[in-house]
Amino acid sequence: MKYDFTSIMDRKGRDAIAVDMIGQPGGFAPEAPAPGFDVIPMWVADMNFPTAPGIIKAIM
């Protein structure tokens, strides 16, 4: 099976703590990064690619 692991999906606003809680009190990175820097969102089993279509089909 071929699958695209190179495209990154935008997970903001999709209940992704590693992304949505950056710069939030009690979040993954409680302070926003300094200008010119970025946070690397790492979380347990963090995946920034969509679920394979075969898995979605099996769940449905």
C-alpha atoms as a PDB file:
ATOM      1  CA  MET A   1       0.000   0.000   0.000  1.00  0.00           C
ATOM      2  CA  LYS A   2       1.328   3.430  -0.898  1.00  0.00           C
ATOM      3  CA  TYR A   3       0.558   6.353   1.382  1.00  0.00           C
ATOM      4  CA  ASP A   4       1.589  10.004   1.468  1.00  0.00           C
ATOM      5  CA  PHE A   5       3.586  10.592   4.661  1.00  0.00           C
ATOM      6  CA  THR A   6       5.089  13.867   3.412  1.00  0.00           C
ATOM      7  CA  SER A   7       2.011  16.121   3.440  1.00  0.00           C
ATOM      8  CA  ILE A   8       1.412  17.766   6.802  1.00  0.00           C
ATOM      9  CA  MET A   9      -2.146  18.535   7.838  1.00  0.00           C
ATOM     10  CA  ASP A  10      -3.074  21.600   9.863  1.00  0.00           C
ATOM     11  CA  ARG A  11      -4.325  20.295  13.212  1.00  0.00           C
ATOM     12  CA  LYS A  12      -5.154  23.654  14.800  1.00  0.00           C
ATOM     13  CA  GLY A  13      -8.675  23.653  16.215  1.00  0.00           C
ATOM     14  CA  ARG A  14      -8.989  19.856  16.067  1.00  0.00           C
ATOM     15  CA  ASP A  15      -8.386  19.065  19.754  1.00  0.00           C
ATOM     16  CA  ALA A  16      -4.662  18.481  19.230  1.00  0.00           C
ATOM     17  CA  ILE A  17      -3.167  19.450  22.599  1.00  0.00           C
ATOM     18  CA  ALA A  18       0.355  19.642  21.175  1.00  0.00           C
ATOM     19  CA  VAL A  19      -0.824  22.334  18.743  1.00  0.00           C
ATOM     20  CA  ASP A  20      -3.809  24.061  20.385  1.00  0.00           C
ATOM     21  CA  MET A  21      -2.241  24.553  23.821  1.00  0.00           C
ATOM     22  CA  ILE A  22       0.943  26.356  22.713  1.00  0.00           C
ATOM     23  CA  GLY A  23       1.137  29.637  24.585  1.00  0.00           C
ATOM     24  CA  GLN A  24      -1.776  28.698  26.883  1.00  0.00           C
ATOM     25  CA  PRO A  25      -1.475  28.444  30.681  1.00  0.00           C
ATOM     26  CA  GLY A  26      -1.209  24.780  31.639  1.00  0.00           C
ATOM     27  CA  GLY A  27      -0.565  23.819  28.041  1.00  0.00           C
ATOM     28  CA  PHE A  28       2.166  21.969  26.203  1.00  0.00           C
ATOM     29  CA  ALA A  29       4.315  25.105  25.969  1.00  0.00           C
ATOM     30  CA  PRO A  30       2.869  27.625  28.459  1.00  0.00           C
ATOM     31  CA  GLU A  31       4.773  30.510  26.899  1.00  0.00           C
ATOM     32  CA  ALA A  32       4.649  31.446  23.241  1.00  0.00           C
ATOM     33  CA  PRO A  33       7.978  31.006  21.443  1.00  0.00           C
ATOM     34  CA  ALA A  34      10.282  33.999  21.079  1.00  0.00           C
ATOM     35  CA  PRO A  35      10.186  35.830  17.739  1.00  0.00           C
ATOM     36  CA  GLY A  36      12.050  33.858  15.087  1.00  0.00           C
ATOM     37  CA  PHE A  37      11.591  30.564  16.940  1.00  0.00           C
ATOM     38  CA  ASP A  38       8.951  27.866  16.785  1.00  0.00           C
ATOM     39  CA  VAL A  39       7.766  25.113  19.112  1.00  0.00           C
ATOM     40  CA  ILE A  40       8.216  21.541  17.942  1.00  0.00           C
ATOM     41  CA  PRO A  41       4.943  19.922  19.020  1.00  0.00           C
ATOM     42  CA  MET A  42       5.834  16.437  20.243  1.00  0.00           C
ATOM     43  CA  TRP A  43       3.255  14.344  21.998  1.00  0.00           C
ATOM     44  CA  VAL A  44       2.625  10.660  22.664  1.00  0.00           C
ATOM     45  CA  ALA A  45       1.937   8.953  19.314  1.00  0.00           C
ATOM     46  CA  ASP A  46       1.836  12.353  17.611  1.00  0.00           C
ATOM     47  CA  MET A  47       0.960  12.024  13.952  1.00  0.00           C
ATOM     48  CA  ASN A  48       0.702  14.977  11.607  1.00  0.00           C
ATOM     49  CA  PHE A  49      -0.685  13.029   8.687  1.00  0.00           C
ATOM     50  CA  PRO A  50      -4.268  11.998   7.945  1.00  0.00           C
ATOM     51  CA  THR A  51      -5.598   8.561   8.789  1.00  0.00           C
ATOM     52  CA  ALA A  52      -5.210   6.084   5.942  1.00  0.00           C
ATOM     53  CA  PRO A  53      -8.439   5.664   3.943  1.00  0.00           C
ATOM     54  CA  GLY A  54      -8.482   1.903   4.618  1.00  0.00           C
ATOM     55  CA  ILE A  55      -8.588   2.525   8.380  1.00  0.00           C
ATOM     56  CA  ILE A  56     -11.428   5.037   8.068  1.00  0.00           C
ATOM     57  CA  LYS A  57     -13.342   2.561   5.886  1.00  0.00           C
ATOM     58  CA  ALA A  58     -12.846  -0.250   8.443  1.00  0.00           C
ATOM     59  CA  ILE A  59     -14.113   1.943  11.284  1.00  0.00           C
ATOM     60  CA  MET A  60     -17.236   2.944   9.389  1.00  0.00           C
END
